Amino acid sequence: MNITLSPTATSTSIRRRDKRRSFWQRSFDQARLAGDWYRIPKLYTRKSASQIASDIRRSHLRRTKDQRVRGFRSAEVWEAKWQPTTLGAPGDCEVWVRCGGEKLNWDLNQRVDK
């Protein structure tokens, strides 16, 4: 009786999946590298663009885990603006962001455990 064994996966042949990064994490990384205004590569309605830009501008006032938009680093200050665009349908808007670095006068009363 002949038994044929099929090859089995060894620990060296198992591919490990890279940690998935959100759209916003990738976008903020690109903006940090750009060092200047960076256009977010998605189009939004006027209301959404306005809210997103506001959330980004005020991100340094919230704890990192409480952000609606992910990808910020602790104490990082961002500038954001939105404007109508000609790239999409009528009424579409684009959001622009720029990293301002870390907040210099970080409020020490904001603790991580709050």
C-alpha atoms as a PDB file:
ATOM      1  CA  MET A   1       0.000   0.000   0.000  1.00  0.00           C
ATOM      2  CA  ASN A   2       1.434   3.327  -1.093  1.00  0.00           C
ATOM      3  CA  ILE A   3       0.541   6.480   0.813  1.00  0.00           C
ATOM      4  CA  THR A   4       1.137   9.830  -0.811  1.00  0.00           C
ATOM      5  CA  LEU A   5       1.448  12.785   1.477  1.00  0.00           C
ATOM      6  CA  SER A   6       0.569  16.182   0.175  1.00  0.00           C
ATOM      7  CA  PRO A   7       2.848  19.056   1.106  1.00  0.00           C
ATOM      8  CA  THR A   8       1.729  20.988   4.141  1.00  0.00           C
ATOM      9  CA  ALA A   9       2.239  24.633   4.894  1.00  0.00           C
ATOM     10  CA  THR A  10       5.129  25.373   7.138  1.00  0.00           C
ATOM     11  CA  SER A  11       5.450  28.375   9.374  1.00  0.00           C
ATOM     12  CA  THR A  12       7.834  29.986   6.895  1.00  0.00           C
ATOM     13  CA  SER A  13       5.382  29.735   4.008  1.00  0.00           C
ATOM     14  CA  ILE A  14       2.421  31.334   5.779  1.00  0.00           C
ATOM     15  CA  ARG A  15       1.868  34.870   4.558  1.00  0.00           C
ATOM     16  CA  ARG A  16       1.152  37.398   7.221  1.00  0.00           C
ATOM     17  CA  ARG A  17      -1.308  40.078   6.254  1.00  0.00           C
ATOM     18  CA  ASP A  18      -0.097  43.605   6.780  1.00  0.00           C
ATOM     19  CA  LYS A  19      -2.109  45.656   9.227  1.00  0.00           C
ATOM     20  CA  ARG A  20      -4.966  47.289   7.350  1.00  0.00           C
ATOM     21  CA  ARG A  21      -4.954  51.065   7.360  1.00  0.00           C
ATOM     22  CA  SER A  22      -8.046  53.154   6.879  1.00  0.00           C
ATOM     23  CA  PHE A  23      -8.559  55.609   4.063  1.00  0.00           C
ATOM     24  CA  TRP A  24      -8.077  58.499   6.494  1.00  0.00           C
ATOM     25  CA  GLN A  25      -4.897  57.049   8.001  1.00  0.00           C
ATOM     26  CA  ARG A  26      -3.405  56.698   4.519  1.00  0.00           C
ATOM     27  CA  SER A  27      -4.573  60.193   3.550  1.00  0.00           C
ATOM     28  CA  PHE A  28      -3.096  61.829   6.663  1.00  0.00           C
ATOM     29  CA  ASP A  29       0.185  59.966   6.111  1.00  0.00           C
ATOM     30  CA  GLN A  30       0.304  61.360   2.559  1.00  0.00           C
ATOM     31  CA  ALA A  31      -0.477  64.858   3.838  1.00  0.00           C
ATOM     32  CA  ARG A  32       2.335  64.652   6.409  1.00  0.00           C
ATOM     33  CA  LEU A  33       4.767  63.661   3.655  1.00  0.00           C
ATOM     34  CA  ALA A  34       3.551  66.449   1.360  1.00  0.00           C
ATOM     35  CA  GLY A  35       4.340  69.100   3.971  1.00  0.00           C
ATOM     36  CA  ASP A  36       1.856  71.498   2.380  1.00  0.00           C
ATOM     37  CA  TRP A  37      -1.819  71.508   1.457  1.00  0.00           C
ATOM     38  CA  TYR A  38      -2.967  68.061   0.374  1.00  0.00           C
ATOM     39  CA  ARG A  39      -6.267  67.354  -1.411  1.00  0.00           C
ATOM     40  CA  ILE A  40      -8.153  64.400   0.021  1.00  0.00           C
ATOM     41  CA  PRO A  41      -8.735  62.053  -2.944  1.00  0.00           C
ATOM     42  CA  LYS A  42     -12.513  61.819  -2.505  1.00  0.00           C
ATOM     43  CA  LEU A  43     -15.342  64.188  -3.304  1.00  0.00           C
ATOM     44  CA  TYR A  44     -18.077  65.072  -0.838  1.00  0.00           C
ATOM     45  CA  THR A  45     -21.342  66.948  -0.665  1.00  0.00           C
ATOM     46  CA  ARG A  46     -21.140  70.519   0.600  1.00  0.00           C
ATOM     47  CA  LYS A  47     -22.495  69.542   4.022  1.00  0.00           C
ATOM     48  CA  SER A  48     -20.132  66.555   4.434  1.00  0.00           C
ATOM     49  CA  ALA A  49     -17.076  68.508   3.258  1.00  0.00           C
ATOM     50  CA  SER A  50     -17.873  71.292   5.709  1.00  0.00           C
ATOM     51  CA  GLN A  51     -18.310  68.857   8.619  1.00  0.00           C
ATOM     52  CA  ILE A  52     -15.178  66.862   7.790  1.00  0.00           C
ATOM     53  CA  ALA A  53     -13.055  70.023   7.547  1.00  0.00           C
ATOM     54  CA  SER A  54     -14.456  71.218  10.879  1.00  0.00           C
ATOM     55  CA  ASP A  55     -13.733  67.858  12.555  1.00  0.00           C
ATOM     56  CA  ILE A  56     -10.171  67.922  11.252  1.00  0.00           C
ATOM     57  CA  ARG A  57      -9.538  71.524  12.382  1.00  0.00           C
ATOM     58  CA  ARG A  58     -10.818  70.722  15.884  1.00  0.00           C
ATOM     59  CA  SER A  59      -9.158  67.296  16.172  1.00  0.00           C
ATOM     60  CA  HIS A  60      -6.540  68.499  18.654  1.00  0.00           C
ATOM     61  CA  LEU A  61      -9.335  69.360  21.105  1.00  0.00           C
ATOM     62  CA  ARG A  62     -10.551  65.758  21.358  1.00  0.00           C
ATOM     63  CA  ARG A  63      -8.918  62.607  22.638  1.00  0.00           C
ATOM     64  CA  THR A  64      -7.552  60.455  19.835  1.00  0.00           C
ATOM     65  CA  LYS A  65      -9.927  57.560  20.563  1.00  0.00           C
ATOM     66  CA  ASP A  66     -12.978  59.852  20.392  1.00  0.00           C
ATOM     67  CA  GLN A  67     -12.329  61.125  16.844  1.00  0.00           C
ATOM     68  CA  ARG A  68     -14.939  60.583  14.134  1.00  0.00           C
ATOM     69  CA  VAL A  69     -12.101  60.615  11.583  1.00  0.00           C
ATOM     70  CA  ARG A  70      -9.241  58.189  12.306  1.00  0.00           C
ATOM     71  CA  GLY A  71      -5.551  58.694  11.625  1.00  0.00           C
ATOM     72  CA  PHE A  72      -4.589  61.592  13.887  1.00  0.00           C
ATOM     73  CA  ARG A  73      -1.647  61.424  16.225  1.00  0.00           C
ATOM     74  CA  SER A  74      -1.898  62.697  19.772  1.00  0.00           C
ATOM     75  CA  ALA A  75      -1.517  66.511  20.113  1.00  0.00           C
ATOM     76  CA  GLU A  76      -1.261  66.976  16.344  1.00  0.00           C
ATOM     77  CA  VAL A  77      -2.790  70.171  14.934  1.00  0.00           C
ATOM     78  CA  TRP A  78      -4.342  70.201  11.460  1.00  0.00           C
ATOM     79  CA  GLU A  79      -5.623  72.908   9.173  1.00  0.00           C
ATOM     80  CA  ALA A  80      -8.474  72.040   6.836  1.00  0.00           C
ATOM     81  CA  LYS A  81     -10.562  73.786   4.226  1.00  0.00           C
ATOM     82  CA  TRP A  82     -13.164  72.771   1.702  1.00  0.00           C
ATOM     83  CA  GLN A  83     -14.293  74.224  -1.582  1.00  0.00           C
ATOM     84  CA  PRO A  84     -16.509  73.386  -4.550  1.00  0.00           C
ATOM     85  CA  THR A  85     -14.743  71.437  -7.267  1.00  0.00           C
ATOM     86  CA  THR A  86     -15.044  71.129 -11.018  1.00  0.00           C
ATOM     87  CA  LEU A  87     -13.725  67.548 -10.945  1.00  0.00           C
ATOM     88  CA  GLY A  88     -17.037  65.862 -10.151  1.00  0.00           C
ATOM     89  CA  ALA A  89     -20.717  66.388 -10.472  1.00  0.00           C
ATOM     90  CA  PRO A  90     -22.252  69.810  -9.833  1.00  0.00           C
ATOM     91  CA  GLY A  91     -22.316  70.441  -6.100  1.00  0.00           C
ATOM     92  CA  ASP A  92     -19.364  68.172  -5.291  1.00  0.00           C
ATOM     93  CA  CYS A  93     -16.732  69.577  -2.966  1.00  0.00           C
ATOM     94  CA  GLU A  94     -13.157  68.717  -2.093  1.00  0.00           C
ATOM     95  CA  VAL A  95     -11.389  68.825   1.265  1.00  0.00           C
ATOM     96  CA  TRP A  96      -7.815  70.080   1.670  1.00  0.00           C
ATOM     97  CA  VAL A  97      -5.684  69.408   4.763  1.00  0.00           C
ATOM     98  CA  ARG A  98      -2.299  70.538   6.055  1.00  0.00           C
ATOM     99  CA  CYS A  99      -0.455  69.260   9.105  1.00  0.00           C
ATOM    100  CA  GLY A 100       0.576  72.026  11.483  1.00  0.00           C
ATOM    101  CA  GLY A 101       2.735  69.832  13.709  1.00  0.00           C
ATOM    102  CA  GLU A 102       2.223  69.159  17.392  1.00  0.00           C
ATOM    103  CA  LYS A 103       0.338  71.436  19.715  1.00  0.00           C
ATOM    104  CA  LEU A 104       2.969  73.312  21.737  1.00  0.00           C
ATOM    105  CA  ASN A 105       0.817  74.274  24.689  1.00  0.00           C
ATOM    106  CA  TRP A 106      -0.768  70.878  25.255  1.00  0.00           C
ATOM    107  CA  ASP A 107      -3.351  71.067  28.039  1.00  0.00           C
ATOM    108  CA  LEU A 108      -1.937  68.876  30.798  1.00  0.00           C
ATOM    109  CA  ASN A 109      -5.410  68.508  32.280  1.00  0.00           C
ATOM    110  CA  GLN A 110      -6.378  66.333  29.315  1.00  0.00           C
ATOM    111  CA  ARG A 111      -5.302  62.952  30.533  1.00  0.00           C
ATOM    112  CA  VAL A 112      -5.415  59.736  28.552  1.00  0.00           C
ATOM    113  CA  ASP A 113      -7.541  58.007  31.199  1.00  0.00           C
ATOM    114  CA  LYS A 114     -10.465  60.458  30.997  1.00  0.00           C
END
